[in-house]
PDB file of all heavy atoms in Angstrom:
ATOM      1  N   VAL A   1     -20.001  35.964 -16.194  1.00  0.00           N
ATOM      2  CA  VAL A   1     -18.712  36.666 -16.109  1.00  0.00           C
ATOM      3  C   VAL A   1     -18.149  36.968 -17.494  1.00  0.00           C
ATOM      4  O   VAL A   1     -17.152  37.683 -17.619  1.00  0.00           O
ATOM      5  CB  VAL A   1     -17.692  35.857 -15.279  1.00  0.00           C
ATOM      6  CG1 VAL A   1     -18.147  35.757 -13.833  1.00  0.00           C
ATOM      7  CG2 VAL A   1     -17.460  34.466 -15.869  1.00  0.00           C
ATOM      8  N   ALA A   2     -18.747  36.407 -18.522  1.00  0.00           N
ATOM      9  CA  ALA A   2     -18.396  36.726 -19.912  1.00  0.00           C
ATOM     10  C   ALA A   2     -19.651  36.535 -20.733  1.00  0.00           C
ATOM     11  O   ALA A   2     -20.355  35.526 -20.582  1.00  0.00           O
ATOM     12  CB  ALA A   2     -17.269  35.830 -20.419  1.00  0.00           C
ATOM     13  N   SER A   3     -19.950  37.500 -21.575  1.00  0.00           N
ATOM     14  CA  SER A   3     -21.180  37.446 -22.363  1.00  0.00           C
ATOM     15  C   SER A   3     -20.863  37.225 -23.837  1.00  0.00           C
ATOM     16  O   SER A   3     -19.706  37.214 -24.251  1.00  0.00           O
ATOM     17  CB  SER A   3     -21.959  38.755 -22.195  1.00  0.00           C
ATOM     18  OG  SER A   3     -21.345  39.802 -22.943  1.00  0.00           O
ATOM     19  N   ALA A   4     -21.928  37.078 -24.617  1.00  0.00           N
ATOM     20  CA  ALA A   4     -21.769  36.901 -26.066  1.00  0.00           C
ATOM     21  C   ALA A   4     -21.984  38.214 -26.810  1.00  0.00           C
ATOM     22  O   ALA A   4     -22.231  38.209 -28.021  1.00  0.00           O
ATOM     23  CB  ALA A   4     -22.746  35.839 -26.573  1.00  0.00           C
ATOM     24  N   GLN A   5     -21.869  39.343 -26.108  1.00  0.00           N
ATOM     25  CA  GLN A   5     -22.057  40.651 -26.730  1.00  0.00           C
ATOM     26  C   GLN A   5     -20.902  40.965 -27.688  1.00  0.00           C
ATOM     27  O   GLN A   5     -19.833  40.348 -27.638  1.00  0.00           O
ATOM     28  CB  GLN A   5     -22.156  41.732 -25.659  1.00  0.00           C
ATOM     29  CG  GLN A   5     -23.321  41.536 -24.702  1.00  0.00           C
ATOM     30  CD  GLN A   5     -24.662  41.529 -25.413  1.00  0.00           C
ATOM     31  OE1 GLN A   5     -25.010  42.474 -26.121  1.00  0.00           O
ATOM     32  NE2 GLN A   5     -25.423  40.448 -25.243  1.00  0.00           N
ATOM     33  N   SER A   6     -21.109  41.971 -28.539  1.00  0.00           N
ATOM     34  CA  SER A   6     -20.115  42.302 -29.569  1.00  0.00           C
ATOM     35  C   SER A   6     -18.805  42.802 -28.986  1.00  0.00           C
ATOM     36  O   SER A   6     -17.763  42.713 -29.634  1.00  0.00           O
ATOM     37  CB  SER A   6     -20.685  43.338 -30.540  1.00  0.00           C
ATOM     38  OG  SER A   6     -21.020  44.537 -29.852  1.00  0.00           O
ATOM     39  N   ASN A   7     -18.834  43.373 -27.769  1.00  0.00           N
ATOM     40  CA  ASN A   7     -17.601  43.858 -27.154  1.00  0.00           C
ATOM     41  C   ASN A   7     -17.134  42.927 -26.039  1.00  0.00           C
ATOM     42  O   ASN A   7     -16.434  43.350 -25.117  1.00  0.00           O
ATOM     43  CB  ASN A   7     -17.807  45.274 -26.597  1.00  0.00           C
ATOM     44  CG  ASN A   7     -18.840  45.306 -25.468  1.00  0.00           C
ATOM     45  OD1 ASN A   7     -19.556  44.339 -25.249  1.00  0.00           O
ATOM     46  ND2 ASN A   7     -18.913  46.436 -24.778  1.00  0.00           N
ATOM     47  N   ASP A   8     -17.523  41.652 -26.146  1.00  0.00           N
ATOM     48  CA  ASP A   8     -17.189  40.694 -25.100  1.00  0.00           C
ATOM     49  C   ASP A   8     -16.833  39.348 -25.723  1.00  0.00           C
ATOM     50  O   ASP A   8     -16.562  39.250 -26.926  1.00  0.00           O
ATOM     51  CB  ASP A   8     -18.359  40.568 -24.125  1.00  0.00           C
ATOM     52  CG  ASP A   8     -17.942  40.136 -22.720  1.00  0.00           C
ATOM     53  OD1 ASP A   8     -16.788  39.685 -22.547  1.00  0.00           O
ATOM     54  OD2 ASP A   8     -18.757  40.234 -21.794  1.00  0.00           O
ATOM     55  N   PHE A   9     -16.859  38.329 -24.921  1.00  0.00           N
ATOM     56  CA  PHE A   9     -16.467  36.990 -25.337  1.00  0.00           C
ATOM     57  C   PHE A   9     -17.471  36.438 -26.344  1.00  0.00           C
ATOM     58  O   PHE A   9     -18.575  36.959 -26.515  1.00  0.00           O
ATOM     59  CB  PHE A   9     -16.400  36.098 -24.092  1.00  0.00           C
ATOM     60  CG  PHE A   9     -15.567  34.858 -24.240  1.00  0.00           C
ATOM     61  CD1 PHE A   9     -14.280  34.921 -24.738  1.00  0.00           C
ATOM     62  CD2 PHE A   9     -16.051  33.630 -23.852  1.00  0.00           C
ATOM     63  CE1 PHE A   9     -13.503  33.792 -24.853  1.00  0.00           C
ATOM     64  CE2 PHE A   9     -15.287  32.487 -23.955  1.00  0.00           C
ATOM     65  CZ  PHE A   9     -14.014  32.571 -24.458  1.00  0.00           C
ATOM     66  N   SER A  10     -17.130  35.356 -27.001  1.00  0.00           N
ATOM     67  CA  SER A  10     -18.016  34.773 -28.010  1.00  0.00           C
ATOM     68  C   SER A  10     -19.020  33.797 -27.417  1.00  0.00           C
ATOM     69  O   SER A  10     -19.931  33.339 -28.110  1.00  0.00           O
ATOM     70  CB  SER A  10     -17.184  34.053 -29.072  1.00  0.00           C
ATOM     71  OG  SER A  10     -16.351  33.075 -28.467  1.00  0.00           O
ATOM     72  N   SER A  11     -18.865  33.443 -26.145  1.00  0.00           N
ATOM     73  CA  SER A  11     -19.754  32.509 -25.462  1.00  0.00           C
ATOM     74  C   SER A  11     -20.106  33.070 -24.093  1.00  0.00           C
ATOM     75  O   SER A  11     -19.432  33.968 -23.577  1.00  0.00           O
ATOM     76  CB  SER A  11     -19.084  31.138 -25.293  1.00  0.00           C
ATOM     77  OG  SER A  11     -18.652  30.614 -26.530  1.00  0.00           O
ATOM     78  N   VAL A  12     -21.166  32.525 -23.510  1.00  0.00           N
ATOM     79  CA  VAL A  12     -21.552  32.909 -22.154  1.00  0.00           C
ATOM     80  C   VAL A  12     -20.793  32.015 -21.176  1.00  0.00           C
ATOM     81  O   VAL A  12     -20.803  30.790 -21.286  1.00  0.00           O
ATOM     82  CB  VAL A  12     -23.066  32.749 -21.950  1.00  0.00           C
ATOM     83  CG1 VAL A  12     -23.446  33.005 -20.487  1.00  0.00           C
ATOM     84  CG2 VAL A  12     -23.825  33.699 -22.866  1.00  0.00           C
ATOM     85  N   VAL A  13     -20.114  32.654 -20.228  1.00  0.00           N
ATOM     86  CA  VAL A  13     -19.377  31.927 -19.196  1.00  0.00           C
ATOM     87  C   VAL A  13     -19.997  32.245 -17.846  1.00  0.00           C
ATOM     88  O   VAL A  13     -20.227  33.415 -17.516  1.00  0.00           O
ATOM     89  CB  VAL A  13     -17.880  32.303 -19.196  1.00  0.00           C
ATOM     90  CG1 VAL A  13     -17.130  31.484 -18.146  1.00  0.00           C
ATOM     91  CG2 VAL A  13     -17.271  32.068 -20.572  1.00  0.00           C
ATOM     92  N   LEU A  14     -20.280  31.196 -17.079  1.00  0.00           N
ATOM     93  CA  LEU A  14     -20.919  31.342 -15.776  1.00  0.00           C
ATOM     94  C   LEU A  14     -19.940  30.995 -14.672  1.00  0.00           C
ATOM     95  O   LEU A  14     -19.086  30.115 -14.845  1.00  0.00           O
ATOM     96  CB  LEU A  14     -22.138  30.420 -15.674  1.00  0.00           C
ATOM     97  CG  LEU A  14     -23.181  30.528 -16.790  1.00  0.00           C
ATOM     98  CD1 LEU A  14     -24.237  29.458 -16.612  1.00  0.00           C
ATOM     99  CD2 LEU A  14     -23.799  31.907 -16.797  1.00  0.00           C
ATOM    100  N   GLN A  15     -20.079  31.654 -13.531  1.00  0.00           N
ATOM    101  CA  GLN A  15     -19.193  31.363 -12.410  1.00  0.00           C
ATOM    102  C   GLN A  15     -19.953  31.570 -11.102  1.00  0.00           C
ATOM    103  O   GLN A  15     -20.805  32.450 -10.987  1.00  0.00           O
ATOM    104  CB  GLN A  15     -17.953  32.266 -12.466  1.00  0.00           C
ATOM    105  CG  GLN A  15     -16.769  31.758 -11.659  1.00  0.00           C
ATOM    106  CD  GLN A  15     -15.469  32.483 -12.003  1.00  0.00           C
ATOM    107  OE1 GLN A  15     -15.186  32.728 -13.180  1.00  0.00           O
ATOM    108  NE2 GLN A  15     -14.690  32.805 -10.993  1.00  0.00           N
ATOM    109  N   GLN A  16     -19.651  30.731 -10.135  1.00  0.00           N
ATOM    110  CA  GLN A  16     -20.218  30.839  -8.792  1.00  0.00           C
ATOM    111  C   GLN A  16     -19.078  31.123  -7.812  1.00  0.00           C
ATOM    112  O   GLN A  16     -18.534  30.209  -7.206  1.00  0.00           O
ATOM    113  CB  GLN A  16     -20.935  29.551  -8.387  1.00  0.00           C
ATOM    114  CG  GLN A  16     -22.217  29.265  -9.151  1.00  0.00           C
ATOM    115  CD  GLN A  16     -22.845  27.946  -8.731  1.00  0.00           C
ATOM    116  OE1 GLN A  16     -22.184  26.916  -8.673  1.00  0.00           O
ATOM    117  NE2 GLN A  16     -24.138  27.975  -8.440  1.00  0.00           N
ATOM    118  N   GLY A  17     -18.681  32.369  -7.689  1.00  0.00           N
ATOM    119  CA  GLY A  17     -17.586  32.705  -6.796  1.00  0.00           C
ATOM    120  C   GLY A  17     -16.269  32.150  -7.304  1.00  0.00           C
ATOM    121  O   GLY A  17     -16.123  31.829  -8.487  1.00  0.00           O
ATOM    122  N   ASN A  18     -15.305  32.008  -6.391  1.00  0.00           N
ATOM    123  CA  ASN A  18     -13.968  31.563  -6.781  1.00  0.00           C
ATOM    124  C   ASN A  18     -13.606  30.198  -6.219  1.00  0.00           C
ATOM    125  O   ASN A  18     -12.438  29.812  -6.234  1.00  0.00           O
ATOM    126  CB  ASN A  18     -12.916  32.579  -6.339  1.00  0.00           C
ATOM    127  CG  ASN A  18     -12.707  33.665  -7.392  1.00  0.00           C
ATOM    128  OD1 ASN A  18     -13.133  33.509  -8.536  1.00  0.00           O
ATOM    129  ND2 ASN A  18     -12.077  34.758  -7.015  1.00  0.00           N
ATOM    130  N   ALA A  19     -14.589  29.458  -5.729  1.00  0.00           N
ATOM    131  CA  ALA A  19     -14.303  28.101  -5.257  1.00  0.00           C
ATOM    132  C   ALA A  19     -13.885  27.236  -6.444  1.00  0.00           C
ATOM    133  O   ALA A  19     -14.282  27.494  -7.588  1.00  0.00           O
ATOM    134  CB  ALA A  19     -15.526  27.515  -4.571  1.00  0.00           C
ATOM    135  N   PRO A  20     -13.056  26.225  -6.231  1.00  0.00           N
ATOM    136  CA  PRO A  20     -12.637  25.362  -7.339  1.00  0.00           C
ATOM    137  C   PRO A  20     -13.832  24.745  -8.073  1.00  0.00           C
ATOM    138  O   PRO A  20     -14.880  24.490  -7.472  1.00  0.00           O
ATOM    139  CB  PRO A  20     -11.797  24.281  -6.640  1.00  0.00           C
ATOM    140  CG  PRO A  20     -11.299  24.937  -5.397  1.00  0.00           C
ATOM    141  CD  PRO A  20     -12.405  25.854  -4.960  1.00  0.00           C
ATOM    142  N   PHE A  21     -13.665  24.543  -9.369  1.00  0.00           N
ATOM    143  CA  PHE A  21     -14.656  23.889 -10.232  1.00  0.00           C
ATOM    144  C   PHE A  21     -15.960  24.693 -10.326  1.00  0.00           C
ATOM    145  O   PHE A  21     -17.024  24.121 -10.520  1.00  0.00           O
ATOM    146  CB  PHE A  21     -14.959  22.466  -9.741  1.00  0.00           C
ATOM    147  CG  PHE A  21     -13.765  21.564  -9.713  1.00  0.00           C
ATOM    148  CD1 PHE A  21     -13.106  21.309  -8.526  1.00  0.00           C
ATOM    149  CD2 PHE A  21     -13.294  20.964 -10.876  1.00  0.00           C
ATOM    150  CE1 PHE A  21     -11.994  20.478  -8.486  1.00  0.00           C
ATOM    151  CE2 PHE A  21     -12.185  20.128 -10.845  1.00  0.00           C
ATOM    152  CZ  PHE A  21     -11.531  19.881  -9.651  1.00  0.00           C
ATOM    153  N   SER A  22     -15.877  26.015 -10.227  1.00  0.00           N
ATOM    154  CA  SER A  22     -17.087  26.833 -10.175  1.00  0.00           C
ATOM    155  C   SER A  22     -17.371  27.602 -11.456  1.00  0.00           C
ATOM    156  O   SER A  22     -18.190  28.519 -11.450  1.00  0.00           O
ATOM    157  CB  SER A  22     -17.014  27.821  -8.995  1.00  0.00           C
ATOM    158  OG  SER A  22     -17.117  27.135  -7.772  1.00  0.00           O
ATOM    159  N   GLY A  23     -16.697  27.278 -12.575  1.00  0.00           N
ATOM    160  CA  GLY A  23     -16.944  27.966 -13.826  1.00  0.00           C
ATOM    161  C   GLY A  23     -17.358  26.997 -14.917  1.00  0.00           C
ATOM    162  O   GLY A  23     -16.959  25.824 -14.915  1.00  0.00           O
ATOM    163  N   ILE A  24     -18.173  27.476 -15.864  1.00  0.00           N
ATOM    164  CA  ILE A  24     -18.585  26.622 -16.979  1.00  0.00           C
ATOM    165  C   ILE A  24     -19.083  27.497 -18.130  1.00  0.00           C
ATOM    166  O   ILE A  24     -19.589  28.609 -17.911  1.00  0.00           O
ATOM    167  CB  ILE A  24     -19.691  25.628 -16.543  1.00  0.00           C
ATOM    168  CG1 ILE A  24     -19.756  24.425 -17.492  1.00  0.00           C
ATOM    169  CG2 ILE A  24     -21.052  26.312 -16.415  1.00  0.00           C
ATOM    170  CD1 ILE A  24     -20.498  23.243 -16.919  1.00  0.00           C
ATOM    171  N   ILE A  25     -18.922  27.021 -19.360  1.00  0.00           N
ATOM    172  CA  ILE A  25     -19.421  27.693 -20.560  1.00  0.00           C
ATOM    173  C   ILE A  25     -20.821  27.185 -20.843  1.00  0.00           C
ATOM    174  O   ILE A  25     -21.091  25.985 -20.727  1.00  0.00           O
ATOM    175  CB  ILE A  25     -18.490  27.429 -21.752  1.00  0.00           C
ATOM    176  CG1 ILE A  25     -17.114  28.062 -21.494  1.00  0.00           C
ATOM    177  CG2 ILE A  25     -19.078  27.977 -23.046  1.00  0.00           C
ATOM    178  CD1 ILE A  25     -16.076  27.734 -22.536  1.00  0.00           C
ATOM    179  N   ALA A  26     -21.735  28.096 -21.205  1.00  0.00           N
ATOM    180  CA  ALA A  26     -23.132  27.723 -21.418  1.00  0.00           C
ATOM    181  C   ALA A  26     -23.654  28.273 -22.729  1.00  0.00           C
ATOM    182  O   ALA A  26     -23.294  29.375 -23.147  1.00  0.00           O
ATOM    183  CB  ALA A  26     -23.991  28.235 -20.264  1.00  0.00           C
ATOM    184  N   PHE A  27     -24.515  27.488 -23.373  1.00  0.00           N
ATOM    185  CA  PHE A  27     -25.139  27.885 -24.640  1.00  0.00           C
ATOM    186  C   PHE A  27     -26.656  27.782 -24.481  1.00  0.00           C
ATOM    187  O   PHE A  27     -27.161  26.813 -23.913  1.00  0.00           O
ATOM    188  CB  PHE A  27     -24.660  26.994 -25.784  1.00  0.00           C
ATOM    189  CG  PHE A  27     -23.196  27.119 -26.069  1.00  0.00           C
ATOM    190  CD1 PHE A  27     -22.281  26.289 -25.438  1.00  0.00           C
ATOM    191  CD2 PHE A  27     -22.719  28.074 -26.950  1.00  0.00           C
ATOM    192  CE1 PHE A  27     -20.921  26.395 -25.680  1.00  0.00           C
ATOM    193  CE2 PHE A  27     -21.359  28.197 -27.206  1.00  0.00           C
ATOM    194  CZ  PHE A  27     -20.469  27.359 -26.564  1.00  0.00           C
ATOM    195  N   PRO A  28     -27.388  28.765 -24.985  1.00  0.00           N
ATOM    196  CA  PRO A  28     -28.845  28.779 -24.766  1.00  0.00           C
ATOM    197  C   PRO A  28     -29.561  27.694 -25.553  1.00  0.00           C
ATOM    198  O   PRO A  28     -29.055  27.169 -26.539  1.00  0.00           O
ATOM    199  CB  PRO A  28     -29.250  30.168 -25.255  1.00  0.00           C
ATOM    200  CG  PRO A  28     -28.213  30.519 -26.279  1.00  0.00           C
ATOM    201  CD  PRO A  28     -26.934  29.913 -25.770  1.00  0.00           C
ATOM    202  N   GLY A  29     -30.774  27.397 -25.094  1.00  0.00           N
ATOM    203  CA  GLY A  29     -31.655  26.507 -25.830  1.00  0.00           C
ATOM    204  C   GLY A  29     -32.650  27.319 -26.638  1.00  0.00           C
ATOM    205  O   GLY A  29     -32.510  28.543 -26.808  1.00  0.00           O
ATOM    206  N   LEU A  30     -33.682  26.659 -27.146  1.00  0.00           N
ATOM    207  CA  LEU A  30     -34.711  27.340 -27.925  1.00  0.00           C
ATOM    208  C   LEU A  30     -35.492  28.296 -27.029  1.00  0.00           C
ATOM    209  O   LEU A  30     -35.730  28.028 -25.849  1.00  0.00           O
ATOM    210  CB  LEU A  30     -35.646  26.305 -28.556  1.00  0.00           C
ATOM    211  CG  LEU A  30     -35.016  25.352 -29.577  1.00  0.00           C
ATOM    212  CD1 LEU A  30     -36.032  24.304 -30.020  1.00  0.00           C
ATOM    213  CD2 LEU A  30     -34.495  26.124 -30.782  1.00  0.00           C
ATOM    214  N   ASN A  31     -35.895  29.410 -27.602  1.00  0.00           N
ATOM    215  CA  ASN A  31     -36.701  30.400 -26.880  1.00  0.00           C
ATOM    216  C   ASN A  31     -36.021  30.820 -25.577  1.00  0.00           C
ATOM    217  O   ASN A  31     -36.658  30.942 -24.524  1.00  0.00           O
ATOM    218  CB  ASN A  31     -38.102  29.838 -26.597  1.00  0.00           C
ATOM    219  CG  ASN A  31     -38.824  29.412 -27.856  1.00  0.00           C
ATOM    220  OD1 ASN A  31     -38.810  30.119 -28.860  1.00  0.00           O
ATOM    221  ND2 ASN A  31     -39.444  28.236 -27.814  1.00  0.00           N
ATOM    222  N   ASN A  32     -34.725  31.024 -25.664  1.00  0.00           N
ATOM    223  CA  ASN A  32     -33.951  31.392 -24.483  1.00  0.00           C
ATOM    224  C   ASN A  32     -33.103  32.598 -24.831  1.00  0.00           C
ATOM    225  O   ASN A  32     -32.512  32.661 -25.908  1.00  0.00           O
ATOM    226  CB  ASN A  32     -33.072  30.203 -24.076  1.00  0.00           C
ATOM    227  CG  ASN A  32     -32.426  30.396 -22.720  1.00  0.00           C
ATOM    228  OD1 ASN A  32     -31.646  31.315 -22.536  1.00  0.00           O
ATOM    229  ND2 ASN A  32     -32.743  29.517 -21.788  1.00  0.00           N
ATOM    230  N   ASP A  33     -33.026  33.565 -23.921  1.00  0.00           N
ATOM    231  CA  ASP A  33     -32.292  34.799 -24.202  1.00  0.00           C
ATOM    232  C   ASP A  33     -30.942  34.834 -23.508  1.00  0.00           C
ATOM    233  O   ASP A  33     -30.368  35.909 -23.315  1.00  0.00           O
ATOM    234  CB  ASP A  33     -33.119  36.021 -23.807  1.00  0.00           C
ATOM    235  CG  ASP A  33     -33.391  36.092 -22.308  1.00  0.00           C
ATOM    236  OD1 ASP A  33     -33.051  35.127 -21.587  1.00  0.00           O
ATOM    237  OD2 ASP A  33     -33.947  37.110 -21.853  1.00  0.00           O
ATOM    238  N   LEU A  34     -30.393  33.675 -23.155  1.00  0.00           N
ATOM    239  CA  LEU A  34     -29.125  33.634 -22.425  1.00  0.00           C
ATOM    240  C   LEU A  34     -28.023  34.371 -23.171  1.00  0.00           C
ATOM    241  O   LEU A  34     -27.197  35.058 -22.571  1.00  0.00           O
ATOM    242  CB  LEU A  34     -28.720  32.180 -22.180  1.00  0.00           C
ATOM    243  CG  LEU A  34     -27.417  31.940 -21.411  1.00  0.00           C
ATOM    244  CD1 LEU A  34     -27.511  32.525 -20.012  1.00  0.00           C
ATOM    245  CD2 LEU A  34     -27.098  30.454 -21.352  1.00  0.00           C
ATOM    246  N   ASP A  35     -27.992  34.267 -24.506  1.00  0.00           N
ATOM    247  CA  ASP A  35     -26.918  34.887 -25.273  1.00  0.00           C
ATOM    248  C   ASP A  35     -27.080  36.402 -25.397  1.00  0.00           C
ATOM    249  O   ASP A  35     -26.206  37.074 -25.944  1.00  0.00           O
ATOM    250  CB  ASP A  35     -26.798  34.255 -26.666  1.00  0.00           C
ATOM    251  CG  ASP A  35     -28.095  34.307 -27.451  1.00  0.00           C
ATOM    252  OD1 ASP A  35     -29.144  34.624 -26.838  1.00  0.00           O
ATOM    253  OD2 ASP A  35     -28.073  34.021 -28.659  1.00  0.00           O
ATOM    254  N   THR A  36     -28.169  36.965 -24.888  1.00  0.00           N
ATOM    255  CA  THR A  36     -28.342  38.416 -24.898  1.00  0.00           C
ATOM    256  C   THR A  36     -28.025  39.027 -23.535  1.00  0.00           C
ATOM    257  O   THR A  36     -28.014  40.258 -23.402  1.00  0.00           O
ATOM    258  CB  THR A  36     -29.786  38.811 -25.276  1.00  0.00           C
ATOM    259  OG1 THR A  36     -30.679  38.446 -24.210  1.00  0.00           O
ATOM    260  CG2 THR A  36     -30.205  38.113 -26.558  1.00  0.00           C
ATOM    261  N   ARG A  37     -27.777  38.218 -22.553  1.00  0.00           N
ATOM    262  CA  ARG A  37     -27.536  38.706 -21.204  1.00  0.00           C
ATOM    263  C   ARG A  37     -26.142  39.302 -21.073  1.00  0.00           C
ATOM    264  O   ARG A  37     -25.247  39.056 -21.889  1.00  0.00           O
ATOM    265  CB  ARG A  37     -27.736  37.583 -20.195  1.00  0.00           C
ATOM    266  CG  ARG A  37     -29.187  37.151 -20.041  1.00  0.00           C
ATOM    267  CD  ARG A  37     -30.009  38.279 -19.480  1.00  0.00           C
ATOM    268  NE  ARG A  37     -31.454  38.043 -19.600  1.00  0.00           N
ATOM    269  CZ  ARG A  37     -32.358  38.947 -19.321  1.00  0.00           C
ATOM    270  NH1 ARG A  37     -31.977  40.155 -18.940  1.00  0.00           N
ATOM    271  NH2 ARG A  37     -33.642  38.685 -19.436  1.00  0.00           N
ATOM    272  N   LEU A  38     -25.946  40.101 -20.017  1.00  0.00           N
ATOM    273  CA  LEU A  38     -24.720  40.859 -19.841  1.00  0.00           C
ATOM    274  C   LEU A  38     -23.919  40.350 -18.645  1.00  0.00           C
ATOM    275  O   LEU A  38     -24.437  39.645 -17.775  1.00  0.00           O
ATOM    276  CB  LEU A  38     -25.050  42.337 -19.634  1.00  0.00           C
ATOM    277  CG  LEU A  38     -25.923  43.003 -20.694  1.00  0.00           C
ATOM    278  CD1 LEU A  38     -26.229  44.439 -20.282  1.00  0.00           C
ATOM    279  CD2 LEU A  38     -25.260  42.959 -22.061  1.00  0.00           C
TER     280      LEU A  38
END
C-alpha cells in the first residue's frame, strides 16, 4: 500500500484488508527486490 519509489513513501508498507492489526512496515533482505515493487 506504500512503496519505496521516488514518488512514494520511503519504506514498503504491507496491508491485508482493513481488519485490525493488518498493516506492517517491511524491509527487504539480501537478493530481494521488495523495495522495487509498486
